[in-house]
Amino acid sequence: MGWRPAEPRLIAWTDCRGGVCGAMDRPGFTASLVVACLIRVPSEVVKQRAQVSASSRTFHIFSNILYTEGVQGLYRGYKSTVLREIPFSLVQFPLWESLKALWSWRQDHVVDCWQSAVCGAFAGGFAAAVTTPLDVAKTRIMLAKAGSSTASGNVLSALHGVWRTHGLSGLFAGVFPRMAAISLGGFIFLGAYEQTRSLLLEVGRERP
């Protein structure tokens, strides 16, 4: 029968299990998201408050939060951010790998880096769309007046409040700009990841 190369679908699945999706099976993946949010949330709080009060300087906003709310003010919305990031990643990365596997199967060879980037854009856009309500809740919590019920950080309560006052459209407010931004980010980040990974594997094969 002669020698035949491995099927692209099998290659893509093997790549998935050993790559990003394989890493997601490990407990450290969720822990890394939790730790990353420790750094991201304070900057997100300051950024969002600067956007709604453009007359204030960033340092003034930062110091005002510390003065009026303490350190916990910088971490307002931390739980909602984590609750957004985990499902986002659980949708984006497996979908990215699945799209690459499907494309590889259709063209009968493993996807190129630019094709992986396109898959990353679609996966990122879809993940952004389905997690938009959680992003809306996070934003409401971060921008809520100190001492209010929304500022307490209860995600379900924030979602219910948006649903009661604005309906379904309120839960998906800003979905298209969010999809556009994250699709672009997915194209660049996952495309660059694939290119770097390919280069490193090639270098590793050339070494004795």
N, C-alpha and C. Protein backbone atom coordinates (compact mmCIF):
# COMPACT_ATOMS: atom_id res chain seq x y z
N MET A 1 0.82 -1.21 0.00
CA MET A 1 0.00 0.00 0.00
C MET A 1 0.86 1.26 0.00
N GLY A 2 2.11 1.15 0.50
CA GLY A 2 2.99 2.32 0.47
C GLY A 2 2.78 3.20 1.69
N TRP A 3 3.68 4.16 1.84
CA TRP A 3 3.63 5.05 3.00
C TRP A 3 2.68 6.20 2.74
N ARG A 4 1.90 6.54 3.75
CA ARG A 4 1.01 7.69 3.63
C ARG A 4 1.23 8.60 4.84
N PRO A 5 1.23 9.91 4.63
CA PRO A 5 1.36 10.82 5.76
C PRO A 5 0.15 10.74 6.66
N ALA A 6 0.32 11.12 7.88
CA ALA A 6 -0.80 11.12 8.82
C ALA A 6 -1.89 12.06 8.34
N GLU A 7 -3.14 11.69 8.62
CA GLU A 7 -4.24 12.53 8.17
C GLU A 7 -4.19 13.87 8.87
N PRO A 8 -4.51 14.98 8.14
CA PRO A 8 -4.49 16.30 8.75
C PRO A 8 -5.38 16.40 9.99
N ARG A 9 -6.54 15.67 9.96
CA ARG A 9 -7.43 15.73 11.11
C ARG A 9 -6.73 15.17 12.35
N LEU A 10 -5.99 14.07 12.17
CA LEU A 10 -5.26 13.47 13.29
C LEU A 10 -4.14 14.40 13.74
N ILE A 11 -3.45 15.03 12.76
CA ILE A 11 -2.37 15.96 13.11
C ILE A 11 -2.93 17.12 13.92
N ALA A 12 -4.06 17.66 13.45
CA ALA A 12 -4.66 18.81 14.14
C ALA A 12 -5.10 18.43 15.55
N TRP A 13 -5.68 17.21 15.69
CA TRP A 13 -6.11 16.79 17.03
C TRP A 13 -4.93 16.59 17.94
N THR A 14 -3.86 15.97 17.43
CA THR A 14 -2.66 15.79 18.23
C THR A 14 -2.08 17.13 18.63
N ASP A 15 -2.10 18.09 17.69
CA ASP A 15 -1.58 19.42 17.97
C ASP A 15 -2.43 20.10 19.05
N CYS A 16 -3.75 19.87 18.97
CA CYS A 16 -4.64 20.46 19.95
C CYS A 16 -4.35 19.93 21.35
N ARG A 17 -4.19 18.62 21.45
CA ARG A 17 -3.98 18.03 22.77
C ARG A 17 -2.63 18.43 23.36
N GLY A 18 -1.65 18.71 22.50
CA GLY A 18 -0.35 19.08 23.03
C GLY A 18 -0.12 20.57 23.10
N GLY A 19 -1.04 21.35 22.52
CA GLY A 19 -0.87 22.79 22.47
C GLY A 19 -1.73 23.52 23.48
N VAL A 20 -2.47 24.54 22.97
CA VAL A 20 -3.26 25.37 23.87
C VAL A 20 -4.33 24.57 24.58
N CYS A 21 -5.07 23.73 23.82
CA CYS A 21 -6.16 22.96 24.44
C CYS A 21 -5.61 21.97 25.47
N GLY A 22 -4.45 21.39 25.18
CA GLY A 22 -3.83 20.50 26.14
C GLY A 22 -3.50 21.22 27.43
N ALA A 23 -3.03 22.45 27.32
CA ALA A 23 -2.70 23.24 28.50
C ALA A 23 -3.95 23.58 29.30
N MET A 24 -5.09 23.72 28.62
CA MET A 24 -6.33 24.07 29.31
C MET A 24 -6.84 22.95 30.19
N ASP A 25 -6.37 21.72 29.94
CA ASP A 25 -6.79 20.60 30.77
C ASP A 25 -6.13 20.63 32.15
N ARG A 26 -5.11 21.42 32.29
CA ARG A 26 -4.35 21.42 33.54
C ARG A 26 -4.91 22.45 34.51
N PRO A 27 -4.85 22.17 35.83
CA PRO A 27 -5.38 23.11 36.83
C PRO A 27 -4.69 24.47 36.77
N GLY A 28 -3.44 24.49 36.33
CA GLY A 28 -2.71 25.75 36.29
C GLY A 28 -3.29 26.76 35.32
N PHE A 29 -4.07 26.29 34.34
CA PHE A 29 -4.64 27.23 33.37
C PHE A 29 -5.62 28.18 34.04
N THR A 30 -6.55 27.63 34.82
CA THR A 30 -7.50 28.48 35.53
C THR A 30 -6.80 29.37 36.54
N ALA A 31 -5.81 28.79 37.22
CA ALA A 31 -5.06 29.58 38.20
C ALA A 31 -4.35 30.75 37.54
N SER A 32 -3.83 30.53 36.33
CA SER A 32 -3.13 31.61 35.63
C SER A 32 -4.07 32.75 35.28
N LEU A 33 -5.32 32.42 34.92
CA LEU A 33 -6.31 33.46 34.64
C LEU A 33 -6.64 34.25 35.89
N VAL A 34 -6.77 33.54 37.01
CA VAL A 34 -7.08 34.21 38.27
C VAL A 34 -5.97 35.16 38.67
N VAL A 35 -4.72 34.71 38.53
CA VAL A 35 -3.57 35.55 38.89
C VAL A 35 -3.44 36.73 37.93
N ALA A 36 -3.66 36.49 36.65
CA ALA A 36 -3.55 37.57 35.66
C ALA A 36 -4.55 38.69 35.96
N CYS A 37 -5.72 38.31 36.45
CA CYS A 37 -6.74 39.32 36.77
C CYS A 37 -6.33 40.20 37.95
N LEU A 38 -5.43 39.70 38.80
CA LEU A 38 -4.92 40.53 39.90
C LEU A 38 -4.19 41.75 39.38
N ILE A 39 -3.61 41.63 38.20
CA ILE A 39 -2.89 42.74 37.58
C ILE A 39 -3.81 43.54 36.67
N ARG A 40 -4.68 42.85 35.96
CA ARG A 40 -5.50 43.50 34.95
C ARG A 40 -6.63 44.34 35.53
N VAL A 41 -7.25 43.87 36.61
CA VAL A 41 -8.45 44.53 37.12
C VAL A 41 -8.19 45.96 37.59
N PRO A 42 -7.15 46.24 38.39
CA PRO A 42 -6.92 47.64 38.78
C PRO A 42 -6.75 48.58 37.59
N SER A 43 -6.00 48.14 36.59
CA SER A 43 -5.82 48.99 35.41
C SER A 43 -7.12 49.16 34.65
N GLU A 44 -7.95 48.11 34.64
CA GLU A 44 -9.25 48.18 33.97
C GLU A 44 -10.19 49.14 34.69
N VAL A 45 -10.18 49.11 36.02
CA VAL A 45 -11.02 50.02 36.81
C VAL A 45 -10.64 51.47 36.53
N VAL A 46 -9.35 51.76 36.57
CA VAL A 46 -8.88 53.13 36.33
C VAL A 46 -9.19 53.56 34.90
N LYS A 47 -8.96 52.67 33.96
CA LYS A 47 -9.21 53.00 32.54
C LYS A 47 -10.67 53.33 32.29
N GLN A 48 -11.56 52.51 32.83
CA GLN A 48 -12.98 52.73 32.57
C GLN A 48 -13.48 54.01 33.23
N ARG A 49 -12.98 54.31 34.40
CA ARG A 49 -13.41 55.55 35.05
C ARG A 49 -12.84 56.77 34.33
N ALA A 50 -11.64 56.62 33.77
CA ALA A 50 -11.08 57.72 32.98
C ALA A 50 -11.89 57.95 31.72
N GLN A 51 -12.44 56.89 31.15
CA GLN A 51 -13.22 57.02 29.92
C GLN A 51 -14.55 57.73 30.14
N VAL A 52 -15.14 57.58 31.31
CA VAL A 52 -16.42 58.24 31.57
C VAL A 52 -16.24 59.60 32.23
N SER A 53 -15.02 59.96 32.63
CA SER A 53 -14.74 61.29 33.17
C SER A 53 -13.43 61.78 32.58
N ALA A 54 -13.49 62.16 31.31
CA ALA A 54 -12.29 62.49 30.55
C ALA A 54 -11.54 63.70 31.11
N SER A 55 -12.20 64.51 31.93
CA SER A 55 -11.54 65.70 32.46
C SER A 55 -10.54 65.37 33.55
N SER A 56 -10.65 64.17 34.12
CA SER A 56 -9.76 63.78 35.22
C SER A 56 -8.51 63.08 34.69
N ARG A 57 -7.39 63.32 35.33
CA ARG A 57 -6.16 62.65 34.97
C ARG A 57 -6.12 61.25 35.58
N THR A 58 -5.35 60.38 34.93
CA THR A 58 -5.29 58.99 35.37
C THR A 58 -4.81 58.87 36.81
N PHE A 59 -3.75 59.61 37.15
CA PHE A 59 -3.21 59.52 38.50
C PHE A 59 -4.22 60.04 39.52
N HIS A 60 -4.95 61.09 39.15
CA HIS A 60 -5.97 61.63 40.06
C HIS A 60 -7.07 60.60 40.30
N ILE A 61 -7.49 59.91 39.25
CA ILE A 61 -8.52 58.87 39.39
C ILE A 61 -8.01 57.74 40.28
N PHE A 62 -6.77 57.34 40.04
CA PHE A 62 -6.16 56.27 40.82
C PHE A 62 -6.10 56.64 42.31
N SER A 63 -5.60 57.83 42.60
CA SER A 63 -5.47 58.25 44.00
C SER A 63 -6.83 58.47 44.64
N ASN A 64 -7.81 58.93 43.85
CA ASN A 64 -9.16 59.15 44.39
C ASN A 64 -9.82 57.83 44.76
N ILE A 65 -9.60 56.79 43.95
CA ILE A 65 -10.15 55.47 44.28
C ILE A 65 -9.54 54.96 45.58
N LEU A 66 -8.22 55.10 45.73
CA LEU A 66 -7.56 54.65 46.95
C LEU A 66 -8.05 55.43 48.17
N TYR A 67 -8.29 56.72 48.00
CA TYR A 67 -8.70 57.57 49.11
C TYR A 67 -10.14 57.26 49.54
N THR A 68 -11.03 57.09 48.58
CA THR A 68 -12.45 56.93 48.90
C THR A 68 -12.86 55.48 49.15
N GLU A 69 -12.20 54.54 48.47
CA GLU A 69 -12.64 53.14 48.57
C GLU A 69 -11.57 52.19 49.08
N GLY A 70 -10.33 52.66 49.15
CA GLY A 70 -9.25 51.79 49.57
C GLY A 70 -8.81 50.85 48.45
N VAL A 71 -7.95 49.92 48.79
CA VAL A 71 -7.42 48.99 47.80
C VAL A 71 -8.54 48.16 47.17
N GLN A 72 -9.57 47.84 47.97
CA GLN A 72 -10.65 47.03 47.40
C GLN A 72 -11.37 47.74 46.26
N GLY A 73 -11.28 49.07 46.25
CA GLY A 73 -11.89 49.82 45.15
C GLY A 73 -11.21 49.53 43.83
N LEU A 74 -9.90 49.30 43.88
CA LEU A 74 -9.16 48.97 42.67
C LEU A 74 -9.50 47.57 42.16
N TYR A 75 -10.03 46.74 43.05
CA TYR A 75 -10.38 45.38 42.67
C TYR A 75 -11.89 45.17 42.58
N ARG A 76 -12.61 46.28 42.47
CA ARG A 76 -14.04 46.13 42.27
C ARG A 76 -14.29 45.51 40.89
N GLY A 77 -15.08 44.48 40.84
CA GLY A 77 -15.31 43.79 39.58
C GLY A 77 -14.33 42.66 39.33
N TYR A 78 -13.53 42.32 40.34
CA TYR A 78 -12.55 41.24 40.16
C TYR A 78 -13.25 39.91 39.88
N LYS A 79 -14.24 39.57 40.70
CA LYS A 79 -14.95 38.30 40.51
C LYS A 79 -15.65 38.25 39.16
N SER A 80 -16.26 39.37 38.76
CA SER A 80 -16.95 39.38 37.48
C SER A 80 -15.98 39.27 36.31
N THR A 81 -14.77 39.81 36.49
CA THR A 81 -13.76 39.69 35.43
C THR A 81 -13.30 38.25 35.28
N VAL A 82 -13.06 37.59 36.41
CA VAL A 82 -12.67 36.18 36.37
C VAL A 82 -13.79 35.33 35.75
N LEU A 83 -15.03 35.62 36.14
CA LEU A 83 -16.17 34.88 35.61
C LEU A 83 -16.38 35.14 34.12
N ARG A 84 -15.84 36.23 33.62
CA ARG A 84 -15.88 36.49 32.17
C ARG A 84 -14.73 35.79 31.47
N GLU A 85 -13.55 35.85 32.04
CA GLU A 85 -12.36 35.34 31.37
C GLU A 85 -12.36 33.82 31.23
N ILE A 86 -12.83 33.11 32.24
CA ILE A 86 -12.80 31.64 32.17
C ILE A 86 -13.70 31.10 31.06
N PRO A 87 -14.99 31.47 31.01
CA PRO A 87 -15.80 30.97 29.89
C PRO A 87 -15.34 31.48 28.54
N PHE A 88 -14.81 32.70 28.50
CA PHE A 88 -14.28 33.22 27.24
C PHE A 88 -13.18 32.31 26.70
N SER A 89 -12.24 31.95 27.56
CA SER A 89 -11.14 31.08 27.13
C SER A 89 -11.62 29.68 26.79
N LEU A 90 -12.61 29.19 27.56
CA LEU A 90 -13.14 27.85 27.30
C LEU A 90 -13.89 27.77 25.98
N VAL A 91 -14.34 28.91 25.48
CA VAL A 91 -14.98 28.95 24.16
C VAL A 91 -13.95 29.22 23.07
N GLN A 92 -13.09 30.21 23.28
CA GLN A 92 -12.18 30.65 22.22
C GLN A 92 -11.17 29.60 21.79
N PHE A 93 -10.45 29.02 22.74
CA PHE A 93 -9.35 28.14 22.35
C PHE A 93 -9.80 26.81 21.76
N PRO A 94 -10.78 26.11 22.36
CA PRO A 94 -11.24 24.88 21.70
C PRO A 94 -11.86 25.15 20.33
N LEU A 95 -12.58 26.27 20.18
CA LEU A 95 -13.16 26.60 18.88
C LEU A 95 -12.07 26.89 17.87
N TRP A 96 -11.02 27.58 18.29
CA TRP A 96 -9.87 27.86 17.41
C TRP A 96 -9.25 26.56 16.91
N GLU A 97 -9.02 25.63 17.81
CA GLU A 97 -8.42 24.35 17.42
C GLU A 97 -9.36 23.56 16.50
N SER A 98 -10.67 23.61 16.79
CA SER A 98 -11.63 22.88 15.96
C SER A 98 -11.69 23.45 14.56
N LEU A 99 -11.66 24.78 14.44
CA LEU A 99 -11.67 25.41 13.12
C LEU A 99 -10.41 25.07 12.33
N LYS A 100 -9.27 25.04 13.03
CA LYS A 100 -8.03 24.65 12.35
C LYS A 100 -8.10 23.21 11.87
N ALA A 101 -8.66 22.31 12.70
CA ALA A 101 -8.78 20.91 12.32
C ALA A 101 -9.69 20.75 11.11
N LEU A 102 -10.81 21.49 11.10
CA LEU A 102 -11.74 21.41 9.98
C LEU A 102 -11.10 21.93 8.70
N TRP A 103 -10.39 23.05 8.78
CA TRP A 103 -9.73 23.63 7.61
C TRP A 103 -8.64 22.69 7.10
N SER A 104 -7.88 22.10 8.02
CA SER A 104 -6.84 21.14 7.63
C SER A 104 -7.45 19.96 6.89
N TRP A 105 -8.57 19.46 7.40
CA TRP A 105 -9.24 18.32 6.77
C TRP A 105 -9.76 18.67 5.37
N ARG A 106 -10.31 19.89 5.24
CA ARG A 106 -10.88 20.29 3.96
C ARG A 106 -9.82 20.47 2.88
N GLN A 107 -8.63 20.97 3.26
CA GLN A 107 -7.60 21.23 2.25
C GLN A 107 -6.54 20.12 2.20
N ASP A 108 -6.71 19.10 3.08
CA ASP A 108 -5.84 17.93 3.07
C ASP A 108 -4.39 18.23 3.48
N HIS A 109 -4.18 19.28 4.21
CA HIS A 109 -2.87 19.52 4.85
C HIS A 109 -3.06 20.51 5.98
N VAL A 110 -2.09 20.51 6.89
CA VAL A 110 -2.19 21.34 8.08
C VAL A 110 -2.25 22.82 7.70
N VAL A 111 -3.04 23.59 8.43
CA VAL A 111 -3.22 25.00 8.12
C VAL A 111 -1.91 25.78 8.22
N ASP A 112 -1.79 26.80 7.39
CA ASP A 112 -0.66 27.72 7.47
C ASP A 112 -0.90 28.71 8.62
N CYS A 113 0.11 29.51 8.91
CA CYS A 113 0.00 30.44 10.04
C CYS A 113 -1.09 31.48 9.81
N TRP A 114 -1.22 31.98 8.56
CA TRP A 114 -2.24 32.99 8.30
C TRP A 114 -3.64 32.39 8.42
N GLN A 115 -3.78 31.12 8.06
CA GLN A 115 -5.07 30.45 8.21
C GLN A 115 -5.41 30.25 9.69
N SER A 116 -4.39 29.93 10.47
CA SER A 116 -4.59 29.82 11.92
C SER A 116 -5.02 31.15 12.51
N ALA A 117 -4.45 32.25 11.98
CA ALA A 117 -4.83 33.58 12.45
C ALA A 117 -6.29 33.89 12.12
N VAL A 118 -6.73 33.50 10.92
CA VAL A 118 -8.14 33.70 10.54
C VAL A 118 -9.06 32.91 11.46
N CYS A 119 -8.68 31.67 11.75
CA CYS A 119 -9.46 30.85 12.69
C CYS A 119 -9.50 31.51 14.06
N GLY A 120 -8.38 32.11 14.46
CA GLY A 120 -8.33 32.80 15.75
C GLY A 120 -9.24 34.01 15.79
N ALA A 121 -9.35 34.70 14.65
CA ALA A 121 -10.24 35.86 14.58
C ALA A 121 -11.70 35.44 14.74
N PHE A 122 -12.09 34.38 14.04
CA PHE A 122 -13.46 33.89 14.15
C PHE A 122 -13.76 33.38 15.57
N ALA A 123 -12.82 32.62 16.12
CA ALA A 123 -13.02 32.08 17.46
C ALA A 123 -13.11 33.19 18.50
N GLY A 124 -12.24 34.18 18.38
CA GLY A 124 -12.27 35.30 19.31
C GLY A 124 -13.55 36.11 19.21
N GLY A 125 -13.99 36.35 17.98
CA GLY A 125 -15.24 37.10 17.78
C GLY A 125 -16.44 36.38 18.36
N PHE A 126 -16.51 35.06 18.16
CA PHE A 126 -17.65 34.29 18.68
C PHE A 126 -17.61 34.26 20.20
N ALA A 127 -16.43 34.02 20.77
CA ALA A 127 -16.29 34.00 22.23
C ALA A 127 -16.65 35.36 22.83
N ALA A 128 -16.26 36.43 22.14
CA ALA A 128 -16.59 37.77 22.61
C ALA A 128 -18.10 37.99 22.61
N ALA A 129 -18.78 37.50 21.57
CA ALA A 129 -20.23 37.69 21.46
C ALA A 129 -20.97 36.99 22.59
N VAL A 130 -20.63 35.73 22.82
CA VAL A 130 -21.41 34.95 23.81
C VAL A 130 -21.10 35.36 25.25
N THR A 131 -19.97 36.02 25.47
CA THR A 131 -19.64 36.45 26.84
C THR A 131 -19.89 37.94 27.05
N THR A 132 -20.53 38.60 26.08
CA THR A 132 -20.82 40.03 26.22
C THR A 132 -21.67 40.35 27.45
N PRO A 133 -22.71 39.58 27.78
CA PRO A 133 -23.47 39.89 29.00
C PRO A 133 -22.59 39.93 30.25
N LEU A 134 -21.62 39.03 30.35
CA LEU A 134 -20.71 39.04 31.50
C LEU A 134 -19.82 40.28 31.47
N ASP A 135 -19.45 40.73 30.28
CA ASP A 135 -18.64 41.93 30.16
C ASP A 135 -19.46 43.16 30.55
N VAL A 136 -20.73 43.18 30.17
CA VAL A 136 -21.62 44.27 30.55
C VAL A 136 -21.76 44.33 32.07
N ALA A 137 -21.96 43.17 32.69
CA ALA A 137 -22.09 43.12 34.15
C ALA A 137 -20.82 43.62 34.82
N LYS A 138 -19.67 43.20 34.30
CA LYS A 138 -18.38 43.64 34.86
C LYS A 138 -18.24 45.15 34.79
N THR A 139 -18.62 45.73 33.64
CA THR A 139 -18.51 47.18 33.46
C THR A 139 -19.44 47.91 34.41
N ARG A 140 -20.67 47.42 34.55
CA ARG A 140 -21.62 48.06 35.46
C ARG A 140 -21.10 48.04 36.89
N ILE A 141 -20.52 46.92 37.30
CA ILE A 141 -20.00 46.79 38.66
C ILE A 141 -18.83 47.75 38.89
N MET A 142 -17.94 47.84 37.91
CA MET A 142 -16.77 48.71 38.06
C MET A 142 -17.13 50.19 38.12
N LEU A 143 -18.19 50.57 37.39
CA LEU A 143 -18.54 51.98 37.30
C LEU A 143 -19.66 52.40 38.25
N ALA A 144 -20.19 51.44 39.00
CA ALA A 144 -21.30 51.75 39.90
C ALA A 144 -20.85 52.69 41.03
N LYS A 145 -21.80 53.45 41.53
CA LYS A 145 -21.51 54.36 42.63
C LYS A 145 -21.14 53.56 43.87
N ALA A 146 -20.09 54.00 44.55
CA ALA A 146 -19.64 53.30 45.76
C ALA A 146 -20.76 53.20 46.78
N GLY A 147 -20.95 52.00 47.33
CA GLY A 147 -21.98 51.78 48.32
C GLY A 147 -23.30 51.29 47.75
N SER A 148 -23.44 51.34 46.42
CA SER A 148 -24.69 50.87 45.80
C SER A 148 -24.72 49.35 45.75
N SER A 149 -25.89 48.81 45.47
CA SER A 149 -26.03 47.35 45.42
C SER A 149 -25.22 46.76 44.26
N THR A 150 -25.14 47.48 43.14
CA THR A 150 -24.37 46.99 41.99
C THR A 150 -22.89 46.94 42.32
N ALA A 151 -22.42 47.93 43.08
CA ALA A 151 -20.99 48.00 43.42
C ALA A 151 -20.56 46.85 44.32
N SER A 152 -21.50 46.13 44.90
CA SER A 152 -21.15 45.02 45.78
C SER A 152 -20.50 43.87 45.03
N GLY A 153 -20.70 43.82 43.70
CA GLY A 153 -20.00 42.83 42.89
C GLY A 153 -20.80 41.59 42.59
N ASN A 154 -22.10 41.58 42.89
CA ASN A 154 -22.94 40.43 42.60
C ASN A 154 -23.28 40.40 41.11
N VAL A 155 -22.69 39.43 40.40
CA VAL A 155 -22.85 39.38 38.94
C VAL A 155 -24.29 39.11 38.54
N LEU A 156 -24.94 38.15 39.19
CA LEU A 156 -26.33 37.81 38.85
C LEU A 156 -27.25 39.00 39.09
N SER A 157 -26.99 39.73 40.16
CA SER A 157 -27.80 40.91 40.46
C SER A 157 -27.60 41.99 39.39
N ALA A 158 -26.35 42.16 38.95
CA ALA A 158 -26.07 43.15 37.90
C ALA A 158 -26.73 42.76 36.59
N LEU A 159 -26.67 41.47 36.25
CA LEU A 159 -27.30 41.00 35.02
C LEU A 159 -28.82 41.17 35.09
N HIS A 160 -29.39 40.87 36.25
CA HIS A 160 -30.84 41.02 36.41
C HIS A 160 -31.25 42.47 36.29
N GLY A 161 -30.44 43.38 36.84
CA GLY A 161 -30.74 44.80 36.76
C GLY A 161 -30.73 45.30 35.32
N VAL A 162 -29.75 44.85 34.55
CA VAL A 162 -29.68 45.24 33.14
C VAL A 162 -30.87 44.68 32.37
N TRP A 163 -31.20 43.42 32.62
CA TRP A 163 -32.34 42.78 31.94
C TRP A 163 -33.65 43.50 32.26
N ARG A 164 -33.81 43.89 33.52
CA ARG A 164 -35.06 44.53 33.95
C ARG A 164 -35.23 45.92 33.33
N THR A 165 -34.12 46.65 33.17
CA THR A 165 -34.22 48.03 32.68
C THR A 165 -34.03 48.16 31.17
N HIS A 166 -33.21 47.28 30.57
CA HIS A 166 -32.89 47.44 29.15
C HIS A 166 -33.19 46.21 28.30
N GLY A 167 -33.55 45.11 28.93
CA GLY A 167 -33.90 43.92 28.17
C GLY A 167 -32.68 43.24 27.55
N LEU A 168 -32.96 42.41 26.55
CA LEU A 168 -31.89 41.64 25.90
C LEU A 168 -30.86 42.54 25.23
N SER A 169 -31.31 43.63 24.64
CA SER A 169 -30.37 44.54 23.96
C SER A 169 -29.38 45.14 24.95
N GLY A 170 -29.82 45.35 26.19
CA GLY A 170 -28.92 45.88 27.21
C GLY A 170 -27.83 44.89 27.59
N LEU A 171 -28.19 43.61 27.63
CA LEU A 171 -27.21 42.58 27.96
C LEU A 171 -26.14 42.45 26.88
N PHE A 172 -26.50 42.80 25.65
CA PHE A 172 -25.54 42.70 24.55
C PHE A 172 -25.12 44.07 24.03
N ALA A 173 -25.17 45.05 24.90
CA ALA A 173 -24.72 46.40 24.52
C ALA A 173 -23.23 46.38 24.19
N GLY A 174 -22.88 46.97 23.06
CA GLY A 174 -21.48 47.03 22.66
C GLY A 174 -20.93 45.74 22.09
N VAL A 175 -21.82 44.81 21.71
CA VAL A 175 -21.34 43.50 21.25
C VAL A 175 -20.52 43.61 19.97
N PHE A 176 -20.91 44.48 19.04
CA PHE A 176 -20.18 44.55 17.77
C PHE A 176 -18.79 45.19 17.90
N PRO A 177 -18.65 46.30 18.62
CA PRO A 177 -17.28 46.80 18.85
C PRO A 177 -16.41 45.79 19.61
N ARG A 178 -17.01 45.09 20.57
CA ARG A 178 -16.26 44.08 21.33
C ARG A 178 -15.82 42.94 20.41
N MET A 179 -16.72 42.49 19.56
CA MET A 179 -16.37 41.43 18.62
C MET A 179 -15.26 41.87 17.67
N ALA A 180 -15.36 43.10 17.17
CA ALA A 180 -14.36 43.60 16.23
C ALA A 180 -12.98 43.68 16.88
N ALA A 181 -12.93 44.23 18.09
CA ALA A 181 -11.65 44.39 18.77
C ALA A 181 -11.01 43.05 19.10
N ILE A 182 -11.81 42.12 19.61
CA ILE A 182 -11.25 40.83 20.02
C ILE A 182 -10.95 39.95 18.81
N SER A 183 -11.71 40.10 17.73
CA SER A 183 -11.38 39.37 16.50
C SER A 183 -10.02 39.81 15.97
N LEU A 184 -9.78 41.11 15.99
CA LEU A 184 -8.48 41.61 15.55
C LEU A 184 -7.37 41.11 16.46
N GLY A 185 -7.63 41.15 17.77
CA GLY A 185 -6.64 40.64 18.71
C GLY A 185 -6.38 39.16 18.53
N GLY A 186 -7.45 38.39 18.29
CA GLY A 186 -7.28 36.96 18.06
C GLY A 186 -6.48 36.67 16.80
N PHE A 187 -6.71 37.46 15.76
CA PHE A 187 -5.96 37.29 14.51
C PHE A 187 -4.47 37.52 14.75
N ILE A 188 -4.14 38.61 15.45
CA ILE A 188 -2.74 38.96 15.67
C ILE A 188 -2.08 38.00 16.67
N PHE A 189 -2.73 37.82 17.83
CA PHE A 189 -2.12 37.03 18.90
C PHE A 189 -1.97 35.56 18.52
N LEU A 190 -3.07 34.94 18.05
CA LEU A 190 -3.01 33.52 17.75
C LEU A 190 -2.21 33.24 16.47
N GLY A 191 -2.24 34.19 15.53
CA GLY A 191 -1.40 34.05 14.34
C GLY A 191 0.07 34.13 14.70
N ALA A 192 0.41 35.09 15.58
CA ALA A 192 1.80 35.23 16.01
C ALA A 192 2.24 34.02 16.84
N TYR A 193 1.32 33.51 17.66
CA TYR A 193 1.62 32.31 18.46
C TYR A 193 1.95 31.14 17.54
N GLU A 194 1.13 30.95 16.51
CA GLU A 194 1.34 29.83 15.60
C GLU A 194 2.64 29.97 14.82
N GLN A 195 2.93 31.21 14.40
CA GLN A 195 4.17 31.45 13.66
C GLN A 195 5.39 31.20 14.55
N THR A 196 5.36 31.70 15.76
CA THR A 196 6.47 31.50 16.69
C THR A 196 6.64 30.03 17.03
N ARG A 197 5.54 29.34 17.25
CA ARG A 197 5.59 27.92 17.57
C ARG A 197 6.20 27.12 16.41
N SER A 198 5.81 27.44 15.19
CA SER A 198 6.35 26.76 14.02
C SER A 198 7.85 26.99 13.88
N LEU A 199 8.28 28.24 14.13
CA LEU A 199 9.71 28.55 14.03
C LEU A 199 10.51 27.80 15.09
N LEU A 200 9.98 27.74 16.31
CA LEU A 200 10.69 27.04 17.38
C LEU A 200 10.77 25.54 17.11
N LEU A 201 9.69 24.97 16.57
CA LEU A 201 9.71 23.54 16.23
C LEU A 201 10.71 23.27 15.11
N GLU A 202 10.80 24.18 14.16
CA GLU A 202 11.75 24.01 13.07
C GLU A 202 13.20 24.09 13.56
N VAL A 203 13.44 25.04 14.46
CA VAL A 203 14.78 25.16 15.05
C VAL A 203 15.11 23.90 15.84
N GLY A 204 14.13 23.38 16.58
CA GLY A 204 14.37 22.18 17.37
C GLY A 204 14.68 20.96 16.51
N ARG A 205 14.03 20.87 15.33
CA ARG A 205 14.30 19.74 14.45
C ARG A 205 15.67 19.83 13.79
N GLU A 206 16.17 21.07 13.58
CA GLU A 206 17.47 21.25 12.94
C GLU A 206 18.62 20.94 13.87
N ARG A 207 18.37 21.03 15.18
CA ARG A 207 19.45 20.75 16.13
C ARG A 207 19.67 19.23 16.23
N PRO A 208 20.94 18.80 16.38
CA PRO A 208 21.23 17.36 16.48
C PRO A 208 20.71 16.78 17.80
